[in-house]
């Protein structure tokens, strides 16, 4: 049995939401509730986050994908849409490579199919060093607020406090393991190109983690591409209602497509 903790709501076409780095599955609760009238929504905690355990400092995205495939098999989740935020998008792409047309469609929210460049890899190495020296609480308290734009951070004070509290549920093992996994991941542009199902990208024009220029050079790979003007790395919080409607339209349209 897998040790993946998850929540679920609704009935119908299955949709699996995968959270990002320093996040937990519960971040999707509001979106899941909004979509539950039409879809069967699942939102797991990745290993090392929330209530899913992890006891190692090294892991690959491919290994995470295998864990999630086993979890979906155990829970009879067939032909799901996989929607991932940031790190969750990297995991979604690894699942797409592993499962192919067993996945109905894929959505990336503030994520990318590109590998890290050298500058980003060096930043990941600094993150690992900081985590080992300072621990989880100091890291997430500094890291999470930066995911929002300076302009909107005052508007989302409560949401930022909640996001920091949820991030504190991350384990040191989990944060280090997934930083390694993100740093060492490969490009999955070719995987996206080969997949014929519905594909969604949502990008933020002020995203400091996934630059808008990187999103724009990938937009031709997606059946739907949306930019959120003035939004940082947390569009599902900063423009929650808009993101829900984008997702609803994508999932409804994609559910009609037979692969």
Protein backbone atom coordinates (compact mmCIF):
# COMPACT_ATOMS: atom_id res chain seq x y z
CA UNK A 1 0.00 0.00 0.00
CA UNK A 2 1.23 3.47 -0.85
CA UNK A 3 1.69 5.97 1.97
CA UNK A 4 0.26 8.86 -0.03
CA UNK A 5 -2.23 10.86 2.02
CA UNK A 6 -4.97 12.48 -0.05
CA UNK A 7 -8.39 14.14 0.01
CA UNK A 8 -11.14 13.76 -2.56
CA UNK A 9 -14.48 15.34 -3.42
CA UNK A 10 -17.14 15.13 -6.11
CA UNK A 11 -18.03 12.56 -8.75
CA UNK A 12 -17.42 12.11 -12.45
CA UNK A 13 -14.28 12.50 -14.56
CA UNK A 14 -11.25 12.15 -12.22
CA UNK A 15 -8.91 15.12 -11.84
CA UNK A 16 -5.71 14.92 -9.77
CA UNK A 17 -4.24 18.21 -8.50
CA UNK A 18 -0.56 18.11 -7.52
CA UNK A 19 0.78 20.84 -5.26
CA UNK A 20 4.09 22.66 -5.57
CA UNK A 21 7.25 22.96 -3.48
CA UNK A 22 6.60 23.98 0.16
CA UNK A 23 2.90 23.28 -0.35
CA UNK A 24 0.41 20.58 0.67
CA UNK A 25 -2.59 19.05 -1.06
CA UNK A 26 -5.02 21.14 1.01
CA UNK A 27 -3.96 24.23 -0.95
CA UNK A 28 -6.36 22.96 -3.65
CA UNK A 29 -9.35 22.60 -1.32
CA UNK A 30 -11.24 25.70 -2.52
CA UNK A 31 -10.64 24.93 -6.19
CA UNK A 32 -11.53 21.27 -5.66
CA UNK A 33 -14.80 22.22 -3.96
CA UNK A 34 -15.68 24.61 -6.80
CA UNK A 35 -15.13 21.88 -9.41
CA UNK A 36 -16.67 19.02 -7.44
CA UNK A 37 -20.13 19.57 -8.93
CA UNK A 38 -18.80 18.23 -12.24
CA UNK A 39 -15.59 16.31 -11.49
CA UNK A 40 -14.14 13.78 -9.04
CA UNK A 41 -11.22 15.75 -7.64
CA UNK A 42 -8.25 14.24 -5.77
CA UNK A 43 -5.50 16.26 -4.10
CA UNK A 44 -2.67 14.25 -2.54
CA UNK A 45 0.27 15.33 -0.39
CA UNK A 46 3.52 14.55 -2.17
CA UNK A 47 5.98 12.42 -0.11
CA UNK A 48 7.67 14.60 2.51
CA UNK A 49 4.90 17.21 2.52
CA UNK A 50 1.82 17.40 4.72
CA UNK A 51 0.83 13.94 5.88
CA UNK A 52 2.73 11.83 3.33
CA UNK A 53 5.99 10.52 4.87
CA UNK A 54 9.45 10.51 3.32
CA UNK A 55 12.62 9.31 5.02
CA UNK A 56 15.26 10.07 2.38
CA UNK A 57 17.13 13.13 1.13
CA UNK A 58 17.44 12.00 -2.51
CA UNK A 59 14.70 11.11 -4.94
CA UNK A 60 13.98 11.56 -8.63
CA UNK A 61 10.80 12.84 -10.23
CA UNK A 62 10.60 9.49 -12.01
CA UNK A 63 10.44 7.74 -8.63
CA UNK A 64 7.72 10.12 -7.47
CA UNK A 65 5.75 9.38 -10.63
CA UNK A 66 5.92 5.64 -9.93
CA UNK A 67 4.63 6.25 -6.37
CA UNK A 68 1.70 8.27 -7.69
CA UNK A 69 0.90 5.75 -10.40
CA UNK A 70 0.73 3.03 -7.70
CA UNK A 71 -1.46 5.30 -5.57
CA UNK A 72 -3.83 5.93 -8.49
CA UNK A 73 -3.95 2.21 -9.24
CA UNK A 74 -4.81 1.40 -5.61
CA UNK A 75 -7.60 3.96 -5.64
CA UNK A 76 -8.90 2.97 -9.09
CA UNK A 77 -8.29 6.43 -10.55
CA UNK A 78 -8.58 5.81 -14.30
CA UNK A 79 -7.82 8.22 -17.16
CA UNK A 80 -7.38 11.29 -14.94
CA UNK A 81 -6.55 14.82 -15.85
CA UNK A 82 -3.33 15.75 -14.02
CA UNK A 83 -3.01 19.42 -13.02
CA UNK A 84 0.21 20.56 -11.34
CA UNK A 85 1.41 23.82 -9.80
CA UNK A 86 5.14 24.55 -10.17
CA UNK A 87 6.90 21.41 -8.83
CA UNK A 88 3.53 19.69 -9.26
CA UNK A 89 3.80 20.42 -12.98
CA UNK A 90 7.19 18.73 -13.12
CA UNK A 91 5.66 15.70 -11.41
CA UNK A 92 2.70 15.81 -13.83
CA UNK A 93 5.10 15.71 -16.78
CA UNK A 94 7.00 12.77 -15.28
CA UNK A 95 3.64 11.00 -14.89
CA UNK A 96 2.82 11.80 -18.52
CA UNK A 97 6.08 10.20 -19.63
CA UNK A 98 5.37 7.15 -17.46
CA UNK A 99 1.67 6.69 -18.22
CA UNK A 100 1.21 8.21 -21.68
CA UNK A 101 -2.35 7.91 -22.95
CA UNK A 102 -3.52 6.50 -19.62
CA UNK A 103 -3.69 10.21 -18.74
CA UNK A 104 -6.64 12.13 -20.19
CA UNK A 105 -5.03 15.56 -20.17
CA UNK A 106 -2.39 17.66 -18.45
CA UNK A 107 -2.29 21.17 -17.02
CA UNK A 108 0.71 23.21 -15.89
CA UNK A 109 0.12 26.18 -13.58
CA UNK A 110 3.23 28.37 -13.20
CA UNK A 111 5.38 25.46 -14.34
CA UNK A 112 7.55 24.49 -17.29
CA UNK A 113 8.61 21.53 -19.39
CA UNK A 114 12.16 22.94 -19.63
CA UNK A 115 15.04 21.70 -17.49
CA UNK A 116 16.81 24.02 -15.04
CA UNK A 117 19.52 26.20 -16.56
CA UNK A 118 22.88 26.57 -14.80
CA UNK A 119 21.80 29.69 -12.88
CA UNK A 120 18.74 27.90 -11.53
CA UNK A 121 20.79 24.82 -10.61
CA UNK A 122 23.14 26.98 -8.57
CA UNK A 123 20.13 28.51 -6.80
CA UNK A 124 18.88 24.99 -5.97
CA UNK A 125 22.30 24.15 -4.49
CA UNK A 126 22.10 27.25 -2.28
CA UNK A 127 18.61 26.17 -1.16
CA UNK A 128 19.95 22.75 -0.11
CA UNK A 129 22.83 24.34 1.80
CA UNK A 130 20.46 26.79 3.54
CA UNK A 131 18.04 24.02 4.49
CA UNK A 132 20.80 21.88 5.98
CA UNK A 133 22.12 24.79 8.00
CA UNK A 134 18.94 26.66 9.01
CA UNK A 135 16.11 24.11 8.83
CA UNK A 136 12.53 24.14 7.54
CA UNK A 137 10.94 27.01 9.45
CA UNK A 138 13.51 29.69 8.59
CA UNK A 139 13.53 28.61 4.95
CA UNK A 140 9.78 28.57 4.34
CA UNK A 141 9.21 31.81 6.24
CA UNK A 142 11.58 33.55 3.82
CA UNK A 143 10.70 31.57 0.68
CA UNK A 144 6.89 31.49 0.53
CA UNK A 145 6.11 35.27 0.60
CA UNK A 146 8.43 35.76 -2.41
CA UNK A 147 6.08 33.64 -4.53
CA UNK A 148 3.61 36.53 -4.51
CA UNK A 149 4.29 39.86 -6.23
CA UNK A 150 5.15 42.84 -4.03
CA UNK A 151 2.09 44.63 -5.38
CA UNK A 152 -0.32 41.90 -4.30
CA UNK A 153 1.36 40.71 -1.09
CA UNK A 154 -0.58 43.27 1.01
CA UNK A 155 -3.86 42.09 -0.52
CA UNK A 156 -3.15 38.46 0.34
CA UNK A 157 -1.76 38.77 3.85
CA UNK A 158 -4.04 36.06 5.26
CA UNK A 159 -3.35 33.73 2.34
CA UNK A 160 0.41 34.19 2.74
CA UNK A 161 0.19 33.41 6.47
CA UNK A 162 -1.80 30.25 5.64
CA UNK A 163 0.68 29.27 2.91
CA UNK A 164 3.61 29.68 5.34
CA UNK A 165 1.78 27.60 7.98
CA UNK A 166 1.14 24.85 5.41
CA UNK A 167 4.77 25.02 4.26
CA UNK A 168 5.93 24.41 7.84
CA UNK A 169 4.37 20.94 7.52
CA UNK A 170 7.10 20.07 5.02
CA UNK A 171 9.85 17.78 6.29
CA UNK A 172 13.53 18.59 5.93
CA UNK A 173 13.95 15.28 4.05
CA UNK A 174 11.17 16.25 1.65
CA UNK A 175 12.44 19.74 0.91
CA UNK A 176 15.99 18.54 0.28
CA UNK A 177 14.91 15.53 -1.79
CA UNK A 178 12.63 17.58 -4.04
CA UNK A 179 15.21 20.35 -4.46
CA UNK A 180 17.61 17.69 -5.77
CA UNK A 181 14.84 16.27 -7.98
CA UNK A 182 13.97 19.66 -9.47
CA UNK A 183 17.61 20.53 -10.07
CA UNK A 184 18.35 17.26 -11.84
CA UNK A 185 15.15 16.91 -13.88
CA UNK A 186 15.35 16.66 -17.66
CA UNK A 187 13.50 18.61 -20.31
CA UNK A 188 10.14 17.06 -21.18
CA UNK A 189 9.35 19.23 -24.20
CA UNK A 190 9.38 16.15 -26.46
CA UNK A 191 6.97 14.32 -24.12
CA UNK A 192 4.52 17.21 -24.39
CA UNK A 193 4.90 17.38 -28.16
CA UNK A 194 4.10 13.68 -28.52
CA UNK A 195 1.02 13.74 -26.28
CA UNK A 196 -2.14 14.26 -28.33
CA UNK A 197 -4.55 14.88 -25.43
CA UNK A 198 -5.63 18.31 -24.13
CA UNK A 199 -2.83 20.41 -22.65
CA UNK A 200 -3.16 23.59 -20.59
CA UNK A 201 -0.63 26.17 -19.43
CA UNK A 202 -1.41 29.05 -17.06
CA UNK A 203 1.41 31.59 -16.66
CA UNK A 204 1.89 34.79 -14.64
CA UNK A 205 3.45 37.84 -16.25
CA UNK A 206 5.21 38.75 -12.97
CA UNK A 207 6.23 35.20 -12.03
CA UNK A 208 9.70 35.32 -10.50
CA UNK A 209 10.15 31.53 -10.42
CA UNK A 210 8.99 30.61 -13.95
CA UNK A 211 9.74 33.61 -16.16
CA UNK A 212 7.01 34.64 -18.58
CA UNK A 213 9.50 34.51 -21.47
CA UNK A 214 10.05 30.79 -20.79
CA UNK A 215 6.30 30.18 -20.76
CA UNK A 216 5.78 32.06 -24.03
CA UNK A 217 8.32 29.99 -25.93
CA UNK A 218 6.38 26.85 -24.92
CA UNK A 219 2.86 28.10 -25.60
CA UNK A 220 2.65 26.46 -29.04
CA UNK A 221 2.80 23.06 -27.30
CA UNK A 222 -0.51 23.62 -25.50
CA UNK A 223 -4.10 23.39 -26.68
CA UNK A 224 -4.90 26.19 -24.22
CA UNK A 225 -2.51 28.90 -23.01
CA UNK A 226 -3.49 31.66 -20.57
CA UNK A 227 -1.48 34.56 -19.15
CA UNK A 228 -2.51 36.23 -15.90
CA UNK A 229 -1.41 39.86 -16.07
CA UNK A 230 0.29 41.25 -12.97
CA UNK A 231 0.33 37.85 -11.28
CA UNK A 232 3.32 36.18 -9.62
CA UNK A 233 3.84 32.47 -8.99
CA UNK A 234 0.54 31.91 -7.15
CA UNK A 235 -2.22 32.55 -9.68
CA UNK A 236 -4.44 29.94 -8.06
CA UNK A 237 -4.51 32.27 -5.03
CA UNK A 238 -4.04 35.71 -6.62
CA UNK A 239 -6.70 35.08 -9.30
CA UNK A 240 -8.53 32.13 -7.81
CA UNK A 241 -11.92 32.67 -9.49
CA UNK A 242 -10.35 33.24 -12.91
CA UNK A 243 -8.21 30.12 -12.57
CA UNK A 244 -11.26 28.07 -11.55
CA UNK A 245 -13.11 29.16 -14.69
CA UNK A 246 -10.08 28.44 -16.90
CA UNK A 247 -9.80 24.98 -15.34
CA UNK A 248 -13.53 24.30 -15.66
CA UNK A 249 -13.50 25.20 -19.34
CA UNK A 250 -10.40 23.13 -20.00
CA UNK A 251 -11.68 20.08 -18.14
CA UNK A 252 -15.15 20.23 -19.70
CA UNK A 253 -13.75 20.65 -23.20
CA UNK A 254 -11.10 17.99 -22.69
CA UNK A 255 -13.59 15.49 -21.29
CA UNK A 256 -15.31 15.43 -24.69
CA UNK A 257 -12.11 14.36 -26.48
CA UNK A 258 -11.66 10.63 -27.02
CA UNK A 259 -8.07 9.47 -27.32
